[in-house]
PDB file of N, CA and C in Angstrom:
ATOM      1  N   MET A   1       0.866  -1.178   0.000  1.00  0.00           N
ATOM      2  CA  MET A   1       0.000   0.000   0.000  1.00  0.00           C
ATOM      3  C   MET A   1       0.903   1.229   0.000  1.00  0.00           C
ATOM      4  N   THR A   2       0.682   2.095  -0.969  1.00  0.00           N
ATOM      5  CA  THR A   2       1.510   3.298  -1.056  1.00  0.00           C
ATOM      6  C   THR A   2       1.012   4.350  -0.080  1.00  0.00           C
ATOM      7  N   HIS A   3       1.825   5.361   0.098  1.00  0.00           N
ATOM      8  CA  HIS A   3       1.449   6.448   1.008  1.00  0.00           C
ATOM      9  C   HIS A   3       0.179   7.141   0.517  1.00  0.00           C
ATOM     10  N   GLN A   4       0.040   7.315  -0.783  1.00  0.00           N
ATOM     11  CA  GLN A   4      -1.139   7.980  -1.339  1.00  0.00           C
ATOM     12  C   GLN A   4      -2.402   7.166  -1.060  1.00  0.00           C
ATOM     13  N   GLU A   5      -2.334   5.868  -1.203  1.00  0.00           N
ATOM     14  CA  GLU A   5      -3.484   5.018  -0.907  1.00  0.00           C
ATOM     15  C   GLU A   5      -3.829   5.062   0.576  1.00  0.00           C
ATOM     16  N   TYR A   6      -2.803   5.055   1.426  1.00  0.00           N
ATOM     17  CA  TYR A   6      -3.026   5.124   2.862  1.00  0.00           C
ATOM     18  C   TYR A   6      -3.736   6.418   3.241  1.00  0.00           C
ATOM     19  N   VAL A   7      -3.277   7.537   2.690  1.00  0.00           N
ATOM     20  CA  VAL A   7      -3.894   8.833   2.978  1.00  0.00           C
ATOM     21  C   VAL A   7      -5.329   8.856   2.463  1.00  0.00           C
ATOM     22  N   PHE A   8      -5.574   8.323   1.295  1.00  0.00           N
ATOM     23  CA  PHE A   8      -6.922   8.279   0.734  1.00  0.00           C
ATOM     24  C   PHE A   8      -7.860   7.465   1.623  1.00  0.00           C
ATOM     25  N   VAL A   9      -7.393   6.302   2.084  1.00  0.00           N
ATOM     26  CA  VAL A   9      -8.211   5.457   2.949  1.00  0.00           C
ATOM     27  C   VAL A   9      -8.464   6.150   4.285  1.00  0.00           C
ATOM     28  N   ALA A  10      -7.453   6.812   4.817  1.00  0.00           N
ATOM     29  CA  ALA A  10      -7.620   7.515   6.095  1.00  0.00           C
ATOM     30  C   ALA A  10      -8.649   8.634   5.960  1.00  0.00           C
ATOM     31  N   TYR A  11      -8.575   9.414   4.881  1.00  0.00           N
ATOM     32  CA  TYR A  11      -9.557  10.482   4.666  1.00  0.00           C
ATOM     33  C   TYR A  11     -10.953   9.911   4.436  1.00  0.00           C
ATOM     34  N   ALA A  12     -11.048   8.842   3.681  1.00  0.00           N
ATOM     35  CA  ALA A  12     -12.357   8.223   3.440  1.00  0.00           C
ATOM     36  C   ALA A  12     -12.973   7.729   4.742  1.00  0.00           C
ATOM     37  N   LEU A  13     -12.167   7.126   5.596  1.00  0.00           N
ATOM     38  CA  LEU A  13     -12.658   6.653   6.887  1.00  0.00           C
ATOM     39  C   LEU A  13     -13.101   7.824   7.764  1.00  0.00           C
ATOM     40  N   ALA A  14     -12.297   8.883   7.785  1.00  0.00           N
ATOM     41  CA  ALA A  14     -12.646  10.050   8.602  1.00  0.00           C
ATOM     42  C   ALA A  14     -13.954  10.679   8.129  1.00  0.00           C
ATOM     43  N   PHE A  15     -14.115  10.841   6.826  1.00  0.00           N
ATOM     44  CA  PHE A  15     -15.342  11.438   6.308  1.00  0.00           C
ATOM     45  C   PHE A  15     -16.548  10.534   6.520  1.00  0.00           C
ATOM     46  N   SER A  16     -16.359   9.220   6.439  1.00  0.00           N
ATOM     47  CA  SER A  16     -17.497   8.329   6.677  1.00  0.00           C
ATOM     48  C   SER A  16     -17.929   8.383   8.141  1.00  0.00           C
ATOM     49  N   VAL A  17     -16.978   8.478   9.066  1.00  0.00           N
ATOM     50  CA  VAL A  17     -17.332   8.590  10.479  1.00  0.00           C
ATOM     51  C   VAL A  17     -18.033   9.918  10.731  1.00  0.00           C
ATOM     52  N   MET A  18     -17.510  11.006  10.150  1.00  0.00           N
ATOM     53  CA  MET A  18     -18.157  12.315  10.333  1.00  0.00           C
ATOM     54  C   MET A  18     -19.569  12.321   9.756  1.00  0.00           C
ATOM     55  N   PHE A  19     -19.761  11.703   8.601  1.00  0.00           N
ATOM     56  CA  PHE A  19     -21.086  11.643   7.998  1.00  0.00           C
ATOM     57  C   PHE A  19     -22.041  10.823   8.857  1.00  0.00           C
ATOM     58  N   ALA A  20     -21.554   9.699   9.384  1.00  0.00           N
ATOM     59  CA  ALA A  20     -22.402   8.850  10.235  1.00  0.00           C
ATOM     60  C   ALA A  20     -22.810   9.598  11.502  1.00  0.00           C
ATOM     61  N   MET A  21     -21.896  10.316  12.117  1.00  0.00           N
ATOM     62  CA  MET A  21     -22.218  11.057  13.334  1.00  0.00           C
ATOM     63  C   MET A  21     -23.177  12.213  13.024  1.00  0.00           C
ATOM     64  N   ALA A  22     -22.979  12.890  11.900  1.00  0.00           N
ATOM     65  CA  ALA A  22     -23.889  13.977  11.525  1.00  0.00           C
ATOM     66  C   ALA A  22     -25.296  13.439  11.280  1.00  0.00           C
ATOM     67  N   ALA A  23     -25.403  12.289  10.630  1.00  0.00           N
ATOM     68  CA  ALA A  23     -26.713  11.683  10.391  1.00  0.00           C
ATOM     69  C   ALA A  23     -27.366  11.280  11.713  1.00  0.00           C
ATOM     70  N   LYS A  24     -26.594  10.744  12.635  1.00  0.00           N
ATOM     71  CA  LYS A  24     -27.131  10.347  13.943  1.00  0.00           C
ATOM     72  C   LYS A  24     -27.644  11.562  14.703  1.00  0.00           C
ATOM     73  N   VAL A  25     -26.865  12.642  14.707  1.00  0.00           N
ATOM     74  CA  VAL A  25     -27.286  13.866  15.393  1.00  0.00           C
ATOM     75  C   VAL A  25     -28.533  14.434  14.737  1.00  0.00           C
ATOM     76  N   TRP A  26     -28.609  14.405  13.402  1.00  0.00           N
ATOM     77  CA  TRP A  26     -29.770  14.943  12.692  1.00  0.00           C
ATOM     78  C   TRP A  26     -31.029  14.147  13.034  1.00  0.00           C
ATOM     79  N   ILE A  27     -30.914  12.825  13.050  1.00  0.00           N
ATOM     80  CA  ILE A  27     -32.076  11.985  13.366  1.00  0.00           C
ATOM     81  C   ILE A  27     -32.498  12.191  14.818  1.00  0.00           C
ATOM     82  N   THR A  28     -31.528  12.278  15.722  1.00  0.00           N
ATOM     83  CA  THR A  28     -31.847  12.494  17.133  1.00  0.00           C
ATOM     84  C   THR A  28     -32.513  13.847  17.348  1.00  0.00           C
ATOM     85  N   SER A  29     -32.015  14.864  16.667  1.00  0.00           N
ATOM     86  CA  SER A  29     -32.610  16.198  16.839  1.00  0.00           C
ATOM     87  C   SER A  29     -34.021  16.256  16.269  1.00  0.00           C
ATOM     88  N   ARG A  30     -34.283  15.505  15.210  1.00  0.00           N
ATOM     89  CA  ARG A  30     -35.650  15.474  14.671  1.00  0.00           C
ATOM     90  C   ARG A  30     -36.617  14.866  15.671  1.00  0.00           C
ATOM     91  N   SER A  31     -36.227  13.755  16.296  1.00  0.00           N
ATOM     92  CA  SER A  31     -37.123  13.127  17.269  1.00  0.00           C
ATOM     93  C   SER A  31     -37.269  14.008  18.501  1.00  0.00           C
ATOM     94  N   TYR A  32     -36.192  14.687  18.908  1.00  0.00           N
ATOM     95  CA  TYR A  32     -36.270  15.591  20.059  1.00  0.00           C
ATOM     96  C   TYR A  32     -37.192  16.763  19.745  1.00  0.00           C
ATOM     97  N   ARG A  33     -37.101  17.295  18.531  1.00  0.00           N
ATOM     98  CA  ARG A  33     -37.956  18.414  18.131  1.00  0.00           C
ATOM     99  C   ARG A  33     -39.422  17.999  18.144  1.00  0.00           C
ATOM    100  N   ARG A  34     -39.715  16.768  17.712  1.00  0.00           N
ATOM    101  CA  ARG A  34     -41.102  16.279  17.748  1.00  0.00           C
ATOM    102  C   ARG A  34     -41.607  16.177  19.183  1.00  0.00           C
ATOM    103  N   GLN A  35     -40.758  15.733  20.097  1.00  0.00           N
ATOM    104  CA  GLN A  35     -41.164  15.636  21.493  1.00  0.00           C
ATOM    105  C   GLN A  35     -41.445  17.022  22.063  1.00  0.00           C
ATOM    106  N   VAL A  36     -40.606  17.997  21.734  1.00  0.00           N
ATOM    107  CA  VAL A  36     -40.804  19.357  22.234  1.00  0.00           C
ATOM    108  C   VAL A  36     -42.090  19.949  21.666  1.00  0.00           C
ATOM    109  N   GLU A  37     -42.357  19.712  20.384  1.00  0.00           N
ATOM    110  CA  GLU A  37     -43.588  20.211  19.775  1.00  0.00           C
ATOM    111  C   GLU A  37     -44.811  19.576  20.435  1.00  0.00           C
ATOM    112  N   ALA A  38     -44.740  18.293  20.732  1.00  0.00           N
ATOM    113  CA  ALA A  38     -45.866  17.615  21.391  1.00  0.00           C
ATOM    114  C   ALA A  38     -46.092  18.189  22.782  1.00  0.00           C
ATOM    115  N   LEU A  39     -45.022  18.461  23.503  1.00  0.00           N
ATOM    116  CA  LEU A  39     -45.171  19.062  24.830  1.00  0.00           C
ATOM    117  C   LEU A  39     -45.740  20.472  24.742  1.00  0.00           C
ATOM    118  N   ALA A  40     -45.361  21.220  23.720  1.00  0.00           N
ATOM    119  CA  ALA A  40     -45.869  22.579  23.562  1.00  0.00           C
ATOM    120  C   ALA A  40     -47.373  22.564  23.315  1.00  0.00           C
ATOM    121  N   VAL A  41     -47.857  21.599  22.542  1.00  0.00           N
ATOM    122  CA  VAL A  41     -49.291  21.494  22.283  1.00  0.00           C
ATOM    123  C   VAL A  41     -50.023  21.172  23.574  1.00  0.00           C
ATOM    124  N   VAL A  42     -49.475  20.266  24.371  1.00  0.00           N
ATOM    125  CA  VAL A  42     -50.116  19.895  25.635  1.00  0.00           C
ATOM    126  C   VAL A  42     -50.140  21.090  26.581  1.00  0.00           C
ATOM    127  N   ARG A  43     -49.080  21.858  26.619  1.00  0.00           N
ATOM    128  CA  ARG A  43     -49.029  23.002  27.534  1.00  0.00           C
ATOM    129  C   ARG A  43     -49.942  24.134  27.096  1.00  0.00           C
ATOM    130  N   ARG A  44     -50.243  24.235  25.806  1.00  0.00           N
ATOM    131  CA  ARG A  44     -51.140  25.297  25.327  1.00  0.00           C
ATOM    132  C   ARG A  44     -52.582  25.041  25.695  1.00  0.00           C
ATOM    133  N   ARG A  45     -52.933  23.754  25.880  1.00  0.00           N
ATOM    134  CA  ARG A  45     -54.325  23.424  26.230  1.00  0.00           C
ATOM    135  C   ARG A  45     -54.667  23.950  27.608  1.00  0.00           C
ATOM    136  N   PRO A  46     -55.867  24.476  27.784  1.00  0.00           N
ATOM    137  CA  PRO A  46     -56.248  24.924  29.132  1.00  0.00           C
ATOM    138  C   PRO A  46     -56.452  23.738  30.059  1.00  0.00           C
ATOM    139  N   ASN A  47     -56.197  23.946  31.305  1.00  0.00           N
ATOM    140  CA  ASN A  47     -56.401  22.877  32.301  1.00  0.00           C
ATOM    141  C   ASN A  47     -57.895  22.595  32.451  1.00  0.00           C
ATOM    142  N   ARG A  48     -58.223  21.410  32.929  1.00  0.00           N
ATOM    143  CA  ARG A  48     -59.636  21.050  33.096  1.00  0.00           C
ATOM    144  C   ARG A  48     -60.289  21.883  34.183  1.00  0.00           C
ATOM    145  N   GLU A  49     -59.530  22.292  35.187  1.00  0.00           N
ATOM    146  CA  GLU A  49     -60.112  23.084  36.263  1.00  0.00           C
ATOM    147  C   GLU A  49     -60.449  24.499  35.792  1.00  0.00           C
ATOM    148  N   GLU A  50     -59.733  24.989  34.786  1.00  0.00           N
ATOM    149  CA  GLU A  50     -59.951  26.368  34.321  1.00  0.00           C
ATOM    150  C   GLU A  50     -61.134  26.484  33.367  1.00  0.00           C
ATOM    151  N   ARG A  51     -61.664  25.358  32.881  1.00  0.00           N
ATOM    152  CA  ARG A  51     -62.761  25.419  31.903  1.00  0.00           C
ATOM    153  C   ARG A  51     -64.024  25.862  32.523  1.00  0.00           C
TER     154      ARG A  51
END
């Protein structure tokens, strides 16, 4: 394996790990945002005692 191939493989591995982590964070933030939106809807509703 030449130095150029080694560097190419190292960069490919680094970018694949960065892409995987970015995708994981994006998916996690989407589910977290849905939970926050659901809580906001529940909090906007008036309480049963106030009706």
